[in-house]
Amino acid sequence: IPEERAFVRLVVATLVCVCYSVVIAIVRPYIRVEDDVLAVATSLVLLLFFLGANWTTIFLGIEERYQGADPADVLGFSSLTGLVNTMI
């Protein structure tokens, strides 16, 4: 996916991550339960990273495309620092 479609790439990665997490949770491919739980947990952490990247991309896109618009009207955060602090 080309660079100008970076947001689409993030959305595709998020959807793949969601599907993978669901498949791992349903199939349970490992012998030990702890390994299954660890696999699902790491998939969910990766999903949270992708969601954070999506939110950051949306915030920066609003600032870039709509010069007079306030991203707080859409996302509820007045600055990117507030958004990142919430993710941490």
Protein backbone atom coordinates (compact mmCIF):
# COMPACT_ATOMS: atom_id res chain seq x y z
CA ILE A 1 0.00 0.00 0.00
CA PRO A 2 1.61 3.32 -1.03
CA GLU A 3 2.63 5.96 1.50
CA GLU A 4 -0.18 8.35 0.61
CA ARG A 5 -2.57 5.66 1.83
CA ALA A 6 -0.93 5.29 5.24
CA PHE A 7 -4.25 5.42 7.09
CA VAL A 8 -5.66 2.62 4.94
CA ARG A 9 -2.57 0.58 5.75
CA LEU A 10 -3.21 1.10 9.48
CA VAL A 11 -6.86 0.11 9.10
CA VAL A 12 -5.90 -3.06 7.23
CA ALA A 13 -3.31 -3.90 9.89
CA THR A 14 -5.92 -3.33 12.61
CA LEU A 15 -8.42 -5.62 10.90
CA VAL A 16 -5.82 -8.33 10.37
CA CYS A 17 -4.81 -8.07 14.02
CA VAL A 18 -8.44 -8.35 15.16
CA CYS A 19 -9.02 -11.40 12.96
CA TYR A 20 -5.80 -13.01 14.18
CA SER A 21 -6.74 -12.40 17.83
CA VAL A 22 -10.17 -13.95 17.33
CA VAL A 23 -8.74 -16.96 15.50
CA ILE A 24 -6.13 -17.55 18.21
CA ALA A 25 -8.80 -17.27 20.92
CA ILE A 26 -11.11 -19.74 19.16
CA VAL A 27 -8.63 -22.28 17.82
CA ARG A 28 -6.32 -22.40 20.86
CA PRO A 29 -3.34 -23.81 18.93
CA TYR A 30 -1.04 -24.34 21.90
CA ILE A 31 -0.99 -27.26 24.30
CA ARG A 32 -0.68 -25.19 27.46
CA VAL A 33 -3.43 -22.75 28.39
CA GLU A 34 -0.84 -20.19 29.50
CA ASP A 35 0.58 -20.08 25.97
CA ASP A 36 -2.88 -19.46 24.51
CA VAL A 37 -3.51 -16.65 26.98
CA LEU A 38 -0.12 -15.12 26.24
CA ALA A 39 -0.75 -15.27 22.48
CA VAL A 40 -4.13 -13.56 22.81
CA ALA A 41 -2.76 -10.97 25.23
CA THR A 42 0.13 -10.02 22.95
CA SER A 43 -2.26 -9.79 20.01
CA LEU A 44 -4.48 -7.44 22.00
CA VAL A 45 -1.50 -5.28 22.96
CA LEU A 46 -0.54 -5.06 19.29
CA LEU A 47 -4.14 -4.12 18.52
CA LEU A 48 -3.94 -1.29 21.06
CA PHE A 49 -0.79 0.00 19.36
CA PHE A 50 -2.53 0.01 16.00
CA LEU A 51 -5.57 1.80 17.45
CA GLY A 52 -3.27 4.40 19.00
CA ALA A 53 -1.56 4.90 15.65
CA ASN A 54 -4.98 5.27 14.00
CA TRP A 55 -6.05 7.93 16.49
CA THR A 56 -2.76 9.79 16.09
CA THR A 57 -3.04 9.67 12.30
CA ILE A 58 -6.62 10.97 12.45
CA PHE A 59 -5.58 13.79 14.79
CA LEU A 60 -2.68 14.84 12.58
CA GLY A 61 -4.82 14.52 9.45
CA ILE A 62 -7.45 16.87 10.88
CA GLU A 63 -4.77 19.41 11.79
CA GLU A 64 -3.15 19.14 8.35
CA ARG A 65 -6.19 19.16 6.08
CA TYR A 66 -8.53 21.50 7.91
CA GLN A 67 -6.46 24.47 9.05
CA GLY A 68 -9.27 26.18 10.97
CA ALA A 69 -10.71 23.00 12.48
CA ASP A 70 -10.09 21.96 16.03
CA PRO A 71 -9.36 18.22 16.45
CA ALA A 72 -10.92 18.46 19.92
CA ASP A 73 -14.32 18.78 18.21
CA VAL A 74 -13.87 15.32 16.69
CA LEU A 75 -11.61 13.41 19.08
CA GLY A 76 -12.02 15.29 22.34
CA PHE A 77 -8.31 16.05 22.69
CA SER A 78 -7.01 19.58 22.21
CA SER A 79 -3.41 18.53 21.58
CA LEU A 80 -1.47 15.50 20.44
CA THR A 81 0.25 15.41 23.85
CA GLY A 82 -3.08 14.84 25.58
CA LEU A 83 -3.88 12.01 23.20
CA VAL A 84 -0.50 10.34 23.73
CA ASN A 85 -0.73 10.72 27.51
CA THR A 86 -4.09 8.97 27.44
CA MET A 87 -2.64 6.10 25.43
CA ILE A 88 0.23 5.69 27.87
